Amino acid sequence: MPRICSFYGIVIAMFHNDHPPAHFHATYAGDEIRVTIDTLQILSGSFPRRAQAMVLEWATLHQAELASCWEQARAHQPLGTIDPLP
């Protein structure tokens, strides 16, 4: 699973062969969530409240870049990285 960003112990990644809807995976302290890119809805999993808030804040700032990464993943191209939360 290619890592595209990490911050405050949270790792953001995408799979090259993942299925729609467009989404990313976030892991933190053994927990995982899947988040849609277009609506930022949690598809599955759960996080501690503060970690989830940070993921959603980060995703809001980088939604266009996440969409681009999704397209690259679907085309089996290398994924770039996205800046972390400051």
PDB file of N, CA and C in Angstrom:
ATOM      1  N   MET A   1       0.859  -1.178   0.000  1.00  0.00           N
ATOM      2  CA  MET A   1       0.000   0.000   0.000  1.00  0.00           C
ATOM      3  C   MET A   1       0.899   1.233   0.000  1.00  0.00           C
ATOM      4  N   PRO A   2       0.945   1.976  -1.100  1.00  0.00           N
ATOM      5  CA  PRO A   2       1.798   3.163  -1.173  1.00  0.00           C
ATOM      6  C   PRO A   2       1.372   4.258  -0.196  1.00  0.00           C
ATOM      7  N   ARG A   3       2.340   4.692   0.594  1.00  0.00           N
ATOM      8  CA  ARG A   3       2.132   5.775   1.554  1.00  0.00           C
ATOM      9  C   ARG A   3       2.232   7.101   0.814  1.00  0.00           C
ATOM     10  N   ILE A   4       1.232   7.952   0.999  1.00  0.00           N
ATOM     11  CA  ILE A   4       1.276   9.257   0.342  1.00  0.00           C
ATOM     12  C   ILE A   4       1.500  10.395   1.329  1.00  0.00           C
ATOM     13  N   CYS A   5       1.317  10.121   2.623  1.00  0.00           N
ATOM     14  CA  CYS A   5       1.537  11.156   3.631  1.00  0.00           C
ATOM     15  C   CYS A   5       1.558  10.525   5.017  1.00  0.00           C
ATOM     16  N   SER A   6       2.242  11.175   5.940  1.00  0.00           N
ATOM     17  CA  SER A   6       2.154  10.783   7.354  1.00  0.00           C
ATOM     18  C   SER A   6       2.359  12.025   8.220  1.00  0.00           C
ATOM     19  N   PHE A   7       1.621  12.070   9.318  1.00  0.00           N
ATOM     20  CA  PHE A   7       1.716  13.182  10.260  1.00  0.00           C
ATOM     21  C   PHE A   7       1.121  12.744  11.587  1.00  0.00           C
ATOM     22  N   TYR A   8       1.755  13.155  12.669  1.00  0.00           N
ATOM     23  CA  TYR A   8       1.277  12.890  14.031  1.00  0.00           C
ATOM     24  C   TYR A   8       0.913  11.420  14.277  1.00  0.00           C
ATOM     25  N   GLY A   9       1.679  10.518  13.673  1.00  0.00           N
ATOM     26  CA  GLY A   9       1.434   9.093  13.851  1.00  0.00           C
ATOM     27  C   GLY A   9       0.369   8.519  12.934  1.00  0.00           C
ATOM     28  N   ILE A  10      -0.207   9.344  12.082  1.00  0.00           N
ATOM     29  CA  ILE A  10      -1.238   8.917  11.125  1.00  0.00           C
ATOM     30  C   ILE A  10      -0.560   8.665   9.778  1.00  0.00           C
ATOM     31  N   VAL A  11      -0.889   7.561   9.150  1.00  0.00           N
ATOM     32  CA  VAL A  11      -0.348   7.236   7.833  1.00  0.00           C
ATOM     33  C   VAL A  11      -1.506   7.207   6.840  1.00  0.00           C
ATOM     34  N   ILE A  12      -1.334   7.929   5.729  1.00  0.00           N
ATOM     35  CA  ILE A  12      -2.331   7.988   4.665  1.00  0.00           C
ATOM     36  C   ILE A  12      -1.781   7.215   3.472  1.00  0.00           C
ATOM     37  N   ALA A  13      -2.604   6.324   2.899  1.00  0.00           N
ATOM     38  CA  ALA A  13      -2.142   5.486   1.794  1.00  0.00           C
ATOM     39  C   ALA A  13      -3.294   5.172   0.845  1.00  0.00           C
ATOM     40  N   MET A  14      -2.914   4.659  -0.338  1.00  0.00           N
ATOM     41  CA  MET A  14      -3.874   4.180  -1.336  1.00  0.00           C
ATOM     42  C   MET A  14      -3.336   2.892  -1.930  1.00  0.00           C
ATOM     43  N   PHE A  15      -4.253   2.026  -2.343  1.00  0.00           N
ATOM     44  CA  PHE A  15      -3.897   0.811  -3.062  1.00  0.00           C
ATOM     45  C   PHE A  15      -4.011   1.061  -4.565  1.00  0.00           C
ATOM     46  N   HIS A  16      -3.120   0.462  -5.337  1.00  0.00           N
ATOM     47  CA  HIS A  16      -3.202   0.608  -6.792  1.00  0.00           C
ATOM     48  C   HIS A  16      -4.406  -0.123  -7.383  1.00  0.00           C
ATOM     49  N   ASN A  17      -4.821  -1.214  -6.800  1.00  0.00           N
ATOM     50  CA  ASN A  17      -5.934  -1.999  -7.352  1.00  0.00           C
ATOM     51  C   ASN A  17      -7.215  -1.845  -6.544  1.00  0.00           C
ATOM     52  N   ASP A  18      -7.387  -0.739  -5.859  1.00  0.00           N
ATOM     53  CA  ASP A  18      -8.566  -0.567  -5.014  1.00  0.00           C
ATOM     54  C   ASP A  18      -9.810  -0.298  -5.863  1.00  0.00           C
ATOM     55  N   HIS A  19     -10.944  -0.486  -5.276  1.00  0.00           N
ATOM     56  CA  HIS A  19     -12.239  -0.385  -5.947  1.00  0.00           C
ATOM     57  C   HIS A  19     -12.878   0.980  -5.678  1.00  0.00           C
ATOM     58  N   PRO A  20     -13.786   1.416  -6.578  1.00  0.00           N
ATOM     59  CA  PRO A  20     -14.536   2.638  -6.308  1.00  0.00           C
ATOM     60  C   PRO A  20     -15.451   2.446  -5.102  1.00  0.00           C
ATOM     61  N   PRO A  21     -15.892   3.505  -4.464  1.00  0.00           N
ATOM     62  CA  PRO A  21     -15.657   4.906  -4.799  1.00  0.00           C
ATOM     63  C   PRO A  21     -14.228   5.326  -4.462  1.00  0.00           C
ATOM     64  N   ALA A  22     -13.815   6.434  -5.075  1.00  0.00           N
ATOM     65  CA  ALA A  22     -12.473   6.962  -4.820  1.00  0.00           C
ATOM     66  C   ALA A  22     -12.306   7.214  -3.325  1.00  0.00           C
ATOM     67  N   HIS A  23     -11.264   6.646  -2.741  1.00  0.00           N
ATOM     68  CA  HIS A  23     -11.060   6.771  -1.295  1.00  0.00           C
ATOM     69  C   HIS A  23      -9.592   6.590  -0.941  1.00  0.00           C
ATOM     70  N   PHE A  24      -9.269   6.904   0.295  1.00  0.00           N
ATOM     71  CA  PHE A  24      -7.931   6.653   0.815  1.00  0.00           C
ATOM     72  C   PHE A  24      -8.056   5.931   2.145  1.00  0.00           C
ATOM     73  N   HIS A  25      -6.961   5.346   2.561  1.00  0.00           N
ATOM     74  CA  HIS A  25      -6.898   4.629   3.832  1.00  0.00           C
ATOM     75  C   HIS A  25      -6.055   5.448   4.801  1.00  0.00           C
ATOM     76  N   ALA A  26      -6.450   5.496   6.035  1.00  0.00           N
ATOM     77  CA  ALA A  26      -5.669   6.145   7.088  1.00  0.00           C
ATOM     78  C   ALA A  26      -5.519   5.143   8.233  1.00  0.00           C
ATOM     79  N   THR A  27      -4.313   5.033   8.758  1.00  0.00           N
ATOM     80  CA  THR A  27      -4.082   4.155   9.909  1.00  0.00           C
ATOM     81  C   THR A  27      -3.480   4.976  11.042  1.00  0.00           C
ATOM     82  N   TYR A  28      -3.838   4.570  12.256  1.00  0.00           N
ATOM     83  CA  TYR A  28      -3.347   5.256  13.448  1.00  0.00           C
ATOM     84  C   TYR A  28      -3.467   4.303  14.631  1.00  0.00           C
ATOM     85  N   ALA A  29      -2.374   4.025  15.289  1.00  0.00           N
ATOM     86  CA  ALA A  29      -2.352   3.216  16.515  1.00  0.00           C
ATOM     87  C   ALA A  29      -3.113   1.899  16.365  1.00  0.00           C
ATOM     88  N   GLY A  30      -2.926   1.249  15.206  1.00  0.00           N
ATOM     89  CA  GLY A  30      -3.573  -0.033  14.987  1.00  0.00           C
ATOM     90  C   GLY A  30      -4.989   0.035  14.444  1.00  0.00           C
ATOM     91  N   ASP A  31      -5.552   1.232  14.315  1.00  0.00           N
ATOM     92  CA  ASP A  31      -6.896   1.406  13.769  1.00  0.00           C
ATOM     93  C   ASP A  31      -6.789   1.855  12.313  1.00  0.00           C
ATOM     94  N   GLU A  32      -7.811   1.582  11.532  1.00  0.00           N
ATOM     95  CA  GLU A  32      -7.842   2.012  10.128  1.00  0.00           C
ATOM     96  C   GLU A  32      -9.221   2.549   9.782  1.00  0.00           C
ATOM     97  N   ILE A  33      -9.226   3.607   8.971  1.00  0.00           N
ATOM     98  CA  ILE A  33     -10.460   4.110   8.389  1.00  0.00           C
ATOM     99  C   ILE A  33     -10.256   4.231   6.888  1.00  0.00           C
ATOM    100  N   ARG A  34     -11.359   4.148   6.149  1.00  0.00           N
ATOM    101  CA  ARG A  34     -11.377   4.434   4.719  1.00  0.00           C
ATOM    102  C   ARG A  34     -12.278   5.646   4.534  1.00  0.00           C
ATOM    103  N   VAL A  35     -11.783   6.635   3.775  1.00  0.00           N
ATOM    104  CA  VAL A  35     -12.485   7.914   3.627  1.00  0.00           C
ATOM    105  C   VAL A  35     -12.671   8.220   2.146  1.00  0.00           C
ATOM    106  N   THR A  36     -13.904   8.553   1.742  1.00  0.00           N
ATOM    107  CA  THR A  36     -14.141   8.938   0.349  1.00  0.00           C
ATOM    108  C   THR A  36     -13.457  10.270   0.069  1.00  0.00           C
ATOM    109  N   ILE A  37     -13.019  10.414  -1.158  1.00  0.00           N
ATOM    110  CA  ILE A  37     -12.322  11.648  -1.529  1.00  0.00           C
ATOM    111  C   ILE A  37     -13.302  12.765  -1.846  1.00  0.00           C
ATOM    112  N   ASP A  38     -14.395  12.463  -2.530  1.00  0.00           N
ATOM    113  CA  ASP A  38     -15.299  13.539  -2.947  1.00  0.00           C
ATOM    114  C   ASP A  38     -16.151  14.101  -1.816  1.00  0.00           C
ATOM    115  N   THR A  39     -16.591  13.258  -0.872  1.00  0.00           N
ATOM    116  CA  THR A  39     -17.448  13.750   0.211  1.00  0.00           C
ATOM    117  C   THR A  39     -16.788  13.727   1.587  1.00  0.00           C
ATOM    118  N   LEU A  40     -15.618  13.112   1.671  1.00  0.00           N
ATOM    119  CA  LEU A  40     -14.884  12.942   2.934  1.00  0.00           C
ATOM    120  C   LEU A  40     -15.717  12.205   3.981  1.00  0.00           C
ATOM    121  N   GLN A  41     -16.522  11.278   3.520  1.00  0.00           N
ATOM    122  CA  GLN A  41     -17.325  10.426   4.391  1.00  0.00           C
ATOM    123  C   GLN A  41     -16.489   9.212   4.809  1.00  0.00           C
ATOM    124  N   ILE A  42     -16.626   8.804   6.066  1.00  0.00           N
ATOM    125  CA  ILE A  42     -15.953   7.599   6.552  1.00  0.00           C
ATOM    126  C   ILE A  42     -16.719   6.389   6.004  1.00  0.00           C
ATOM    127  N   LEU A  43     -16.044   5.568   5.193  1.00  0.00           N
ATOM    128  CA  LEU A  43     -16.667   4.378   4.625  1.00  0.00           C
ATOM    129  C   LEU A  43     -16.655   3.208   5.602  1.00  0.00           C
ATOM    130  N   SER A  44     -15.551   3.081   6.326  1.00  0.00           N
ATOM    131  CA  SER A  44     -15.442   1.975   7.279  1.00  0.00           C
ATOM    132  C   SER A  44     -14.370   2.298   8.301  1.00  0.00           C
ATOM    133  N   GLY A  45     -14.452   1.595   9.415  1.00  0.00           N
ATOM    134  CA  GLY A  45     -13.462   1.736  10.473  1.00  0.00           C
ATOM    135  C   GLY A  45     -13.777   2.874  11.421  1.00  0.00           C
ATOM    136  N   SER A  46     -12.897   3.020  12.408  1.00  0.00           N
ATOM    137  CA  SER A  46     -13.047   4.110  13.368  1.00  0.00           C
ATOM    138  C   SER A  46     -11.691   4.510  13.910  1.00  0.00           C
ATOM    139  N   PHE A  47     -11.609   5.740  14.319  1.00  0.00           N
ATOM    140  CA  PHE A  47     -10.402   6.355  14.870  1.00  0.00           C
ATOM    141  C   PHE A  47     -10.778   7.061  16.161  1.00  0.00           C
ATOM    142  N   PRO A  48      -9.804   7.332  17.008  1.00  0.00           N
ATOM    143  CA  PRO A  48     -10.068   8.261  18.103  1.00  0.00           C
ATOM    144  C   PRO A  48     -10.526   9.606  17.506  1.00  0.00           C
ATOM    145  N   ARG A  49     -11.367  10.278  18.224  1.00  0.00           N
ATOM    146  CA  ARG A  49     -12.004  11.510  17.734  1.00  0.00           C
ATOM    147  C   ARG A  49     -11.007  12.550  17.215  1.00  0.00           C
ATOM    148  N   ARG A  50      -9.954  12.803  17.964  1.00  0.00           N
ATOM    149  CA  ARG A  50      -8.975  13.830  17.559  1.00  0.00           C
ATOM    150  C   ARG A  50      -8.220  13.418  16.295  1.00  0.00           C
ATOM    151  N   ALA A  51      -7.835  12.148  16.201  1.00  0.00           N
ATOM    152  CA  ALA A  51      -7.127  11.663  15.013  1.00  0.00           C
ATOM    153  C   ALA A  51      -8.028  11.753  13.785  1.00  0.00           C
ATOM    154  N   GLN A  52      -9.301  11.393  13.932  1.00  0.00           N
ATOM    155  CA  GLN A  52     -10.237  11.490  12.815  1.00  0.00           C
ATOM    156  C   GLN A  52     -10.393  12.941  12.370  1.00  0.00           C
ATOM    157  N   ALA A  53     -10.492  13.854  13.309  1.00  0.00           N
ATOM    158  CA  ALA A  53     -10.617  15.273  12.974  1.00  0.00           C
ATOM    159  C   ALA A  53      -9.392  15.757  12.192  1.00  0.00           C
ATOM    160  N   MET A  54      -8.205  15.302  12.587  1.00  0.00           N
ATOM    161  CA  MET A  54      -6.989  15.703  11.867  1.00  0.00           C
ATOM    162  C   MET A  54      -6.977  15.148  10.450  1.00  0.00           C
ATOM    163  N   VAL A  55      -7.403  13.904  10.269  1.00  0.00           N
ATOM    164  CA  VAL A  55      -7.466  13.314   8.933  1.00  0.00           C
ATOM    165  C   VAL A  55      -8.423  14.100   8.059  1.00  0.00           C
ATOM    166  N   LEU A  56      -9.584  14.423   8.567  1.00  0.00           N
ATOM    167  CA  LEU A  56     -10.568  15.155   7.774  1.00  0.00           C
ATOM    168  C   LEU A  56     -10.113  16.585   7.471  1.00  0.00           C
ATOM    169  N   GLU A  57      -9.439  17.212   8.416  1.00  0.00           N
ATOM    170  CA  GLU A  57      -8.883  18.556   8.171  1.00  0.00           C
ATOM    171  C   GLU A  57      -7.840  18.485   7.059  1.00  0.00           C
ATOM    172  N   TRP A  58      -6.940  17.505   7.151  1.00  0.00           N
ATOM    173  CA  TRP A  58      -5.903  17.324   6.138  1.00  0.00           C
ATOM    174  C   TRP A  58      -6.535  17.047   4.775  1.00  0.00           C
ATOM    175  N   ALA A  59      -7.522  16.147   4.726  1.00  0.00           N
ATOM    176  CA  ALA A  59      -8.148  15.782   3.464  1.00  0.00           C
ATOM    177  C   ALA A  59      -8.864  16.971   2.827  1.00  0.00           C
ATOM    178  N   THR A  60      -9.466  17.820   3.632  1.00  0.00           N
ATOM    179  CA  THR A  60     -10.125  19.015   3.118  1.00  0.00           C
ATOM    180  C   THR A  60      -9.114  19.920   2.416  1.00  0.00           C
ATOM    181  N   LEU A  61      -7.942  20.056   3.005  1.00  0.00           N
ATOM    182  CA  LEU A  61      -6.891  20.896   2.427  1.00  0.00           C
ATOM    183  C   LEU A  61      -6.311  20.315   1.147  1.00  0.00           C
ATOM    184  N   HIS A  62      -6.373  18.999   0.992  1.00  0.00           N
ATOM    185  CA  HIS A  62      -5.678  18.323  -0.109  1.00  0.00           C
ATOM    186  C   HIS A  62      -6.607  17.477  -0.979  1.00  0.00           C
ATOM    187  N   GLN A  63      -7.864  17.836  -1.045  1.00  0.00           N
ATOM    188  CA  GLN A  63      -8.844  17.036  -1.773  1.00  0.00           C
ATOM    189  C   GLN A  63      -8.486  16.884  -3.256  1.00  0.00           C
ATOM    190  N   ALA A  64      -8.053  17.946  -3.910  1.00  0.00           N
ATOM    191  CA  ALA A  64      -7.688  17.865  -5.333  1.00  0.00           C
ATOM    192  C   ALA A  64      -6.474  16.954  -5.528  1.00  0.00           C
ATOM    193  N   GLU A  65      -5.502  17.044  -4.633  1.00  0.00           N
ATOM    194  CA  GLU A  65      -4.327  16.190  -4.735  1.00  0.00           C
ATOM    195  C   GLU A  65      -4.684  14.725  -4.497  1.00  0.00           C
ATOM    196  N   LEU A  66      -5.609  14.473  -3.579  1.00  0.00           N
ATOM    197  CA  LEU A  66      -6.072  13.106  -3.329  1.00  0.00           C
ATOM    198  C   LEU A  66      -6.756  12.544  -4.578  1.00  0.00           C
ATOM    199  N   ALA A  67      -7.573  13.350  -5.235  1.00  0.00           N
ATOM    200  CA  ALA A  67      -8.241  12.910  -6.461  1.00  0.00           C
ATOM    201  C   ALA A  67      -7.214  12.565  -7.535  1.00  0.00           C
ATOM    202  N   SER A  68      -6.169  13.364  -7.637  1.00  0.00           N
ATOM    203  CA  SER A  68      -5.103  13.095  -8.601  1.00  0.00           C
ATOM    204  C   SER A  68      -4.375  11.794  -8.263  1.00  0.00           C
ATOM    205  N   CYS A  69      -4.088  11.578  -7.000  1.00  0.00           N
ATOM    206  CA  CYS A  69      -3.442  10.336  -6.575  1.00  0.00           C
ATOM    207  C   CYS A  69      -4.322   9.133  -6.905  1.00  0.00           C
ATOM    208  N   TRP A  70      -5.630   9.265  -6.709  1.00  0.00           N
ATOM    209  CA  TRP A  70      -6.554   8.176  -7.027  1.00  0.00           C
ATOM    210  C   TRP A  70      -6.458   7.816  -8.514  1.00  0.00           C
ATOM    211  N   GLU A  71      -6.448   8.831  -9.365  1.00  0.00           N
ATOM    212  CA  GLU A  71      -6.339   8.586 -10.809  1.00  0.00           C
ATOM    213  C   GLU A  71      -5.009   7.921 -11.155  1.00  0.00           C
ATOM    214  N   GLN A  72      -3.932   8.354 -10.514  1.00  0.00           N
ATOM    215  CA  GLN A  72      -2.627   7.725 -10.742  1.00  0.00           C
ATOM    216  C   GLN A  72      -2.651   6.267 -10.295  1.00  0.00           C
ATOM    217  N   ALA A  73      -3.261   5.996  -9.157  1.00  0.00           N
ATOM    218  CA  ALA A  73      -3.342   4.629  -8.648  1.00  0.00           C
ATOM    219  C   ALA A  73      -4.144   3.757  -9.607  1.00  0.00           C
ATOM    220  N   ARG A  74      -5.252   4.253 -10.104  1.00  0.00           N
ATOM    221  CA  ARG A  74      -6.084   3.489 -11.040  1.00  0.00           C
ATOM    222  C   ARG A  74      -5.334   3.192 -12.334  1.00  0.00           C
ATOM    223  N   ALA A  75      -4.414   4.078 -12.719  1.00  0.00           N
ATOM    224  CA  ALA A  75      -3.618   3.892 -13.935  1.00  0.00           C
ATOM    225  C   ALA A  75      -2.322   3.123 -13.646  1.00  0.00           C
ATOM    226  N   HIS A  76      -2.170   2.633 -12.424  1.00  0.00           N
ATOM    227  CA  HIS A  76      -0.980   1.883 -11.991  1.00  0.00           C
ATOM    228  C   HIS A  76       0.306   2.696 -12.170  1.00  0.00           C
ATOM    229  N   GLN A  77       0.202   3.995 -11.925  1.00  0.00           N
ATOM    230  CA  GLN A  77       1.345   4.881 -11.981  1.00  0.00           C
ATOM    231  C   GLN A  77       1.862   5.107 -10.564  1.00  0.00           C
ATOM    232  N   PRO A  78       3.135   5.488 -10.440  1.00  0.00           N
ATOM    233  CA  PRO A  78       3.657   5.798  -9.097  1.00  0.00           C
ATOM    234  C   PRO A  78       2.886   6.963  -8.479  1.00  0.00           C
ATOM    235  N   LEU A  79       2.651   6.860  -7.186  1.00  0.00           N
ATOM    236  CA  LEU A  79       1.960   7.924  -6.465  1.00  0.00           C
ATOM    237  C   LEU A  79       2.975   8.880  -5.875  1.00  0.00           C
ATOM    238  N   GLY A  80       2.669  10.135  -5.916  1.00  0.00           N
ATOM    239  CA  GLY A  80       3.523  11.117  -5.287  1.00  0.00           C
ATOM    240  C   GLY A  80       3.211  11.196  -3.797  1.00  0.00           C
ATOM    241  N   THR A  81       3.719  12.218  -3.175  1.00  0.00           N
ATOM    242  CA  THR A  81       3.428  12.454  -1.770  1.00  0.00           C
ATOM    243  C   THR A  81       2.655  13.760  -1.647  1.00  0.00           C
ATOM    244  N   ILE A  82       1.954  13.886  -0.545  1.00  0.00           N
ATOM    245  CA  ILE A  82       1.178  15.086  -0.252  1.00  0.00           C
ATOM    246  C   ILE A  82       1.694  15.632   1.075  1.00  0.00           C
ATOM    247  N   ASP A  83       1.794  16.938   1.173  1.00  0.00           N
ATOM    248  CA  ASP A  83       2.295  17.576   2.390  1.00  0.00           C
ATOM    249  C   ASP A  83       1.440  17.215   3.599  1.00  0.00           C
ATOM    250  N   PRO A  84       2.077  17.035   4.751  1.00  0.00           N
ATOM    251  CA  PRO A  84       1.344  16.730   5.988  1.00  0.00           C
ATOM    252  C   PRO A  84       0.708  17.976   6.587  1.00  0.00           C
ATOM    253  N   LEU A  85      -0.069  17.762   7.638  1.00  0.00           N
ATOM    254  CA  LEU A  85      -0.543  18.893   8.432  1.00  0.00           C
ATOM    255  C   LEU A  85       0.672  19.536   9.083  1.00  0.00           C
ATOM    256  N   PRO A  86       0.652  20.856   9.206  1.00  0.00           N
ATOM    257  CA  PRO A  86       1.793  21.519   9.863  1.00  0.00           C
ATOM    258  C   PRO A  86       1.849  21.229  11.354  1.00  0.00           C
TER     259      PRO A  86
END
